[in-house]
C-alpha cells in the first residue's frame, strides 16, 4: 500500500505491520536466526553424518540475511525521507 505524499490530514498513519518498532524487532529476530544457521553450518561440517544436510542451514541463513537487509534498507530509506 503506497502512502500519499500530501495527505489530507497532517499525520500519516502507518499500518501496524510496517511500524519502526515491528521492523526493528523482525530485523533483530532474523539476525538471531542467521546466527543460529551459522552454528548449524559449523555443526554439519564437523559431523560426518550431517554433511548431506548442509543445504538447510545455508538456505535458512541466506533467507534470514536477505530479510534482515531488506528491513534495514526499508527503515533507513524511511528515516532519510523524514
N, C-alpha and C. Protein backbone atom coordinates (compact mmCIF):
# COMPACT_ATOMS: atom_id res chain seq x y z
N UNK A 1 0.85 -1.16 0.00
CA UNK A 1 0.00 0.00 0.00
C UNK A 1 0.90 1.23 0.00
N UNK A 2 0.75 2.07 -0.99
CA UNK A 2 1.59 3.25 -1.13
C UNK A 2 0.96 4.43 -0.38
N UNK A 3 1.78 5.16 0.36
CA UNK A 3 1.29 6.31 1.11
C UNK A 3 1.33 7.54 0.23
N UNK A 4 0.36 8.42 0.43
CA UNK A 4 0.28 9.65 -0.34
C UNK A 4 1.36 10.62 0.13
N UNK A 5 1.87 11.44 -0.80
CA UNK A 5 2.90 12.42 -0.42
C UNK A 5 2.30 13.59 0.37
N UNK A 6 1.12 14.03 -0.02
CA UNK A 6 0.47 15.14 0.67
C UNK A 6 -0.92 14.68 1.11
N UNK A 7 -1.00 14.04 2.26
CA UNK A 7 -2.32 13.56 2.69
C UNK A 7 -3.21 14.72 3.16
N UNK A 8 -4.49 14.43 3.23
CA UNK A 8 -5.44 15.44 3.68
C UNK A 8 -5.17 15.81 5.13
N UNK A 9 -4.91 14.80 5.94
CA UNK A 9 -4.56 15.05 7.33
C UNK A 9 -3.05 15.20 7.44
N UNK A 10 -2.59 15.88 8.47
CA UNK A 10 -1.16 16.16 8.61
C UNK A 10 -0.34 14.90 8.91
N UNK A 11 -0.81 14.08 9.81
CA UNK A 11 -0.02 12.92 10.23
C UNK A 11 -0.46 11.69 9.44
N UNK A 12 0.51 11.01 8.83
CA UNK A 12 0.23 9.79 8.09
C UNK A 12 0.22 8.63 9.07
N UNK A 13 -0.82 7.84 9.03
CA UNK A 13 -0.93 6.69 9.91
C UNK A 13 -0.36 5.49 9.18
N UNK A 14 0.73 4.96 9.70
CA UNK A 14 1.33 3.78 9.09
C UNK A 14 0.66 2.53 9.64
N UNK A 15 0.55 1.50 8.84
CA UNK A 15 -0.04 0.26 9.34
C UNK A 15 0.83 -0.34 10.44
N UNK A 16 0.22 -1.12 11.33
CA UNK A 16 0.95 -1.68 12.47
C UNK A 16 2.05 -2.62 12.00
N UNK A 17 1.85 -3.29 10.87
CA UNK A 17 2.85 -4.26 10.42
C UNK A 17 4.02 -3.59 9.71
N UNK A 18 3.97 -2.28 9.54
CA UNK A 18 5.07 -1.55 8.91
C UNK A 18 5.62 -0.48 9.84
N UNK A 19 5.39 -0.62 11.13
CA UNK A 19 5.90 0.38 12.07
C UNK A 19 7.39 0.14 12.32
N UNK A 20 8.06 1.18 12.78
CA UNK A 20 9.50 1.08 13.03
C UNK A 20 9.81 0.05 14.11
N UNK A 21 8.99 0.00 15.14
CA UNK A 21 9.22 -0.93 16.23
C UNK A 21 9.15 -2.37 15.75
N UNK A 22 8.14 -2.68 14.98
CA UNK A 22 8.00 -4.05 14.48
C UNK A 22 9.09 -4.38 13.46
N UNK A 23 9.46 -3.42 12.64
CA UNK A 23 10.53 -3.66 11.67
C UNK A 23 11.85 -3.98 12.38
N UNK A 24 12.19 -3.21 13.41
CA UNK A 24 13.43 -3.48 14.13
C UNK A 24 13.35 -4.80 14.89
N UNK A 25 12.18 -5.14 15.41
CA UNK A 25 12.03 -6.43 16.10
C UNK A 25 12.25 -7.59 15.13
N UNK A 26 11.66 -7.51 13.95
CA UNK A 26 11.84 -8.55 12.94
C UNK A 26 13.29 -8.61 12.48
N UNK A 27 13.95 -7.45 12.36
CA UNK A 27 15.35 -7.42 11.95
C UNK A 27 16.24 -8.11 12.99
N UNK A 28 16.00 -7.85 14.25
CA UNK A 28 16.79 -8.49 15.31
C UNK A 28 16.54 -10.00 15.33
N UNK A 29 15.29 -10.40 15.21
CA UNK A 29 14.97 -11.83 15.21
C UNK A 29 15.56 -12.53 13.99
N UNK A 30 15.54 -11.88 12.85
CA UNK A 30 16.11 -12.52 11.67
C UNK A 30 17.64 -12.61 11.79
N UNK A 31 18.28 -11.67 12.47
CA UNK A 31 19.71 -11.77 12.70
C UNK A 31 20.02 -12.91 13.66
N UNK A 32 19.16 -13.13 14.65
CA UNK A 32 19.34 -14.27 15.57
C UNK A 32 19.22 -15.59 14.80
N UNK A 33 18.26 -15.67 13.89
CA UNK A 33 18.11 -16.86 13.06
C UNK A 33 19.33 -17.05 12.17
N UNK A 34 19.89 -15.97 11.65
CA UNK A 34 21.10 -16.06 10.85
C UNK A 34 22.26 -16.62 11.67
N UNK A 35 22.42 -16.13 12.90
CA UNK A 35 23.49 -16.64 13.78
C UNK A 35 23.27 -18.12 14.09
N UNK A 36 22.03 -18.52 14.29
CA UNK A 36 21.70 -19.92 14.52
C UNK A 36 22.05 -20.78 13.31
N UNK A 37 21.83 -20.26 12.12
CA UNK A 37 22.15 -21.03 10.92
C UNK A 37 23.66 -21.14 10.72
N UNK A 38 24.41 -20.13 11.13
CA UNK A 38 25.88 -20.22 11.06
C UNK A 38 26.38 -21.34 11.96
N UNK A 39 25.80 -21.45 13.14
CA UNK A 39 26.16 -22.55 14.05
C UNK A 39 25.76 -23.89 13.43
N UNK A 40 24.61 -23.94 12.77
CA UNK A 40 24.18 -25.16 12.10
C UNK A 40 25.12 -25.58 10.98
N UNK A 41 25.65 -24.62 10.23
CA UNK A 41 26.61 -24.92 9.17
C UNK A 41 27.89 -25.48 9.79
N UNK A 42 28.36 -24.87 10.87
CA UNK A 42 29.57 -25.36 11.53
C UNK A 42 29.39 -26.79 12.04
N UNK A 43 28.25 -27.07 12.64
CA UNK A 43 28.00 -28.42 13.17
C UNK A 43 27.90 -29.43 12.03
N UNK A 44 27.22 -29.06 10.96
CA UNK A 44 27.07 -30.01 9.86
C UNK A 44 28.39 -30.26 9.13
N UNK A 45 29.30 -29.31 9.14
CA UNK A 45 30.62 -29.53 8.54
C UNK A 45 31.46 -30.45 9.44
N UNK A 46 31.36 -30.26 10.74
CA UNK A 46 32.17 -31.04 11.68
C UNK A 46 31.68 -32.48 11.85
N UNK A 47 30.38 -32.70 11.73
CA UNK A 47 29.82 -34.04 11.93
C UNK A 47 29.70 -34.74 10.59
N UNK A 48 30.31 -35.89 10.49
CA UNK A 48 30.39 -36.60 9.21
C UNK A 48 29.01 -37.03 8.70
N UNK A 49 28.10 -37.39 9.56
CA UNK A 49 26.79 -37.87 9.13
C UNK A 49 25.85 -36.77 8.65
N UNK A 50 26.16 -35.53 8.95
CA UNK A 50 25.25 -34.42 8.61
C UNK A 50 25.72 -33.58 7.43
N UNK A 51 26.75 -33.97 6.75
CA UNK A 51 27.28 -33.18 5.63
C UNK A 51 26.25 -33.05 4.51
N UNK A 52 25.43 -34.07 4.32
CA UNK A 52 24.41 -34.01 3.28
C UNK A 52 23.27 -33.05 3.58
N UNK A 53 23.15 -32.66 4.83
CA UNK A 53 22.07 -31.76 5.23
C UNK A 53 22.53 -30.31 5.38
N UNK A 54 23.68 -29.97 4.85
CA UNK A 54 24.20 -28.60 4.99
C UNK A 54 23.34 -27.60 4.22
N UNK A 55 22.56 -28.06 3.26
CA UNK A 55 21.74 -27.15 2.46
C UNK A 55 20.69 -26.44 3.32
N UNK A 56 20.20 -27.11 4.35
CA UNK A 56 19.14 -26.49 5.15
C UNK A 56 19.63 -25.28 5.95
N UNK A 57 20.73 -25.38 6.72
CA UNK A 57 21.17 -24.16 7.41
C UNK A 57 21.67 -23.08 6.45
N UNK A 58 22.20 -23.48 5.29
CA UNK A 58 22.61 -22.47 4.31
C UNK A 58 21.41 -21.71 3.76
N UNK A 59 20.36 -22.44 3.45
CA UNK A 59 19.13 -21.80 2.95
C UNK A 59 18.50 -20.92 4.03
N UNK A 60 18.45 -21.41 5.25
CA UNK A 60 17.90 -20.65 6.36
C UNK A 60 18.71 -19.37 6.60
N UNK A 61 20.01 -19.47 6.54
CA UNK A 61 20.87 -18.30 6.73
C UNK A 61 20.72 -17.29 5.61
N UNK A 62 20.65 -17.77 4.38
CA UNK A 62 20.50 -16.85 3.24
C UNK A 62 19.17 -16.11 3.30
N UNK A 63 18.10 -16.82 3.61
CA UNK A 63 16.79 -16.17 3.67
C UNK A 63 16.69 -15.19 4.82
N UNK A 64 17.23 -15.55 5.99
CA UNK A 64 17.15 -14.63 7.13
C UNK A 64 18.05 -13.41 6.92
N UNK A 65 19.20 -13.60 6.27
CA UNK A 65 20.07 -12.45 6.00
C UNK A 65 19.43 -11.53 4.96
N UNK A 66 18.78 -12.10 3.96
CA UNK A 66 18.07 -11.30 2.96
C UNK A 66 16.95 -10.49 3.62
N UNK A 67 16.19 -11.12 4.52
CA UNK A 67 15.13 -10.42 5.23
C UNK A 67 15.70 -9.29 6.09
N UNK A 68 16.81 -9.56 6.77
CA UNK A 68 17.46 -8.55 7.59
C UNK A 68 17.88 -7.34 6.75
N UNK A 69 18.50 -7.60 5.61
CA UNK A 69 18.93 -6.49 4.74
C UNK A 69 17.75 -5.69 4.21
N UNK A 70 16.70 -6.37 3.77
CA UNK A 70 15.53 -5.67 3.23
C UNK A 70 14.88 -4.76 4.29
N UNK A 71 14.78 -5.24 5.51
CA UNK A 71 14.14 -4.44 6.55
C UNK A 71 15.02 -3.26 6.94
N UNK A 72 16.32 -3.47 7.04
CA UNK A 72 17.22 -2.36 7.38
C UNK A 72 17.20 -1.30 6.28
N UNK A 73 17.18 -1.72 5.03
CA UNK A 73 17.11 -0.76 3.92
C UNK A 73 15.79 0.00 3.96
N UNK A 74 14.69 -0.69 4.25
CA UNK A 74 13.39 -0.02 4.32
C UNK A 74 13.36 1.03 5.41
N UNK A 75 13.85 0.69 6.61
CA UNK A 75 13.81 1.64 7.71
C UNK A 75 14.79 2.81 7.45
N UNK A 76 15.92 2.52 6.83
CA UNK A 76 16.88 3.59 6.50
C UNK A 76 16.30 4.57 5.50
N UNK A 77 15.64 4.05 4.46
CA UNK A 77 15.01 4.94 3.48
C UNK A 77 13.91 5.78 4.13
N UNK A 78 13.16 5.18 5.02
CA UNK A 78 12.09 5.91 5.71
C UNK A 78 12.67 7.01 6.59
N UNK A 79 13.79 6.74 7.25
CA UNK A 79 14.41 7.76 8.10
C UNK A 79 14.95 8.93 7.26
N UNK A 80 15.52 8.61 6.09
CA UNK A 80 16.04 9.68 5.22
C UNK A 80 14.92 10.54 4.65
N UNK A 81 13.76 9.94 4.41
CA UNK A 81 12.64 10.69 3.86
C UNK A 81 12.07 11.71 4.86
N UNK A 82 12.18 11.40 6.13
CA UNK A 82 11.66 12.31 7.14
C UNK A 82 12.75 13.22 7.55
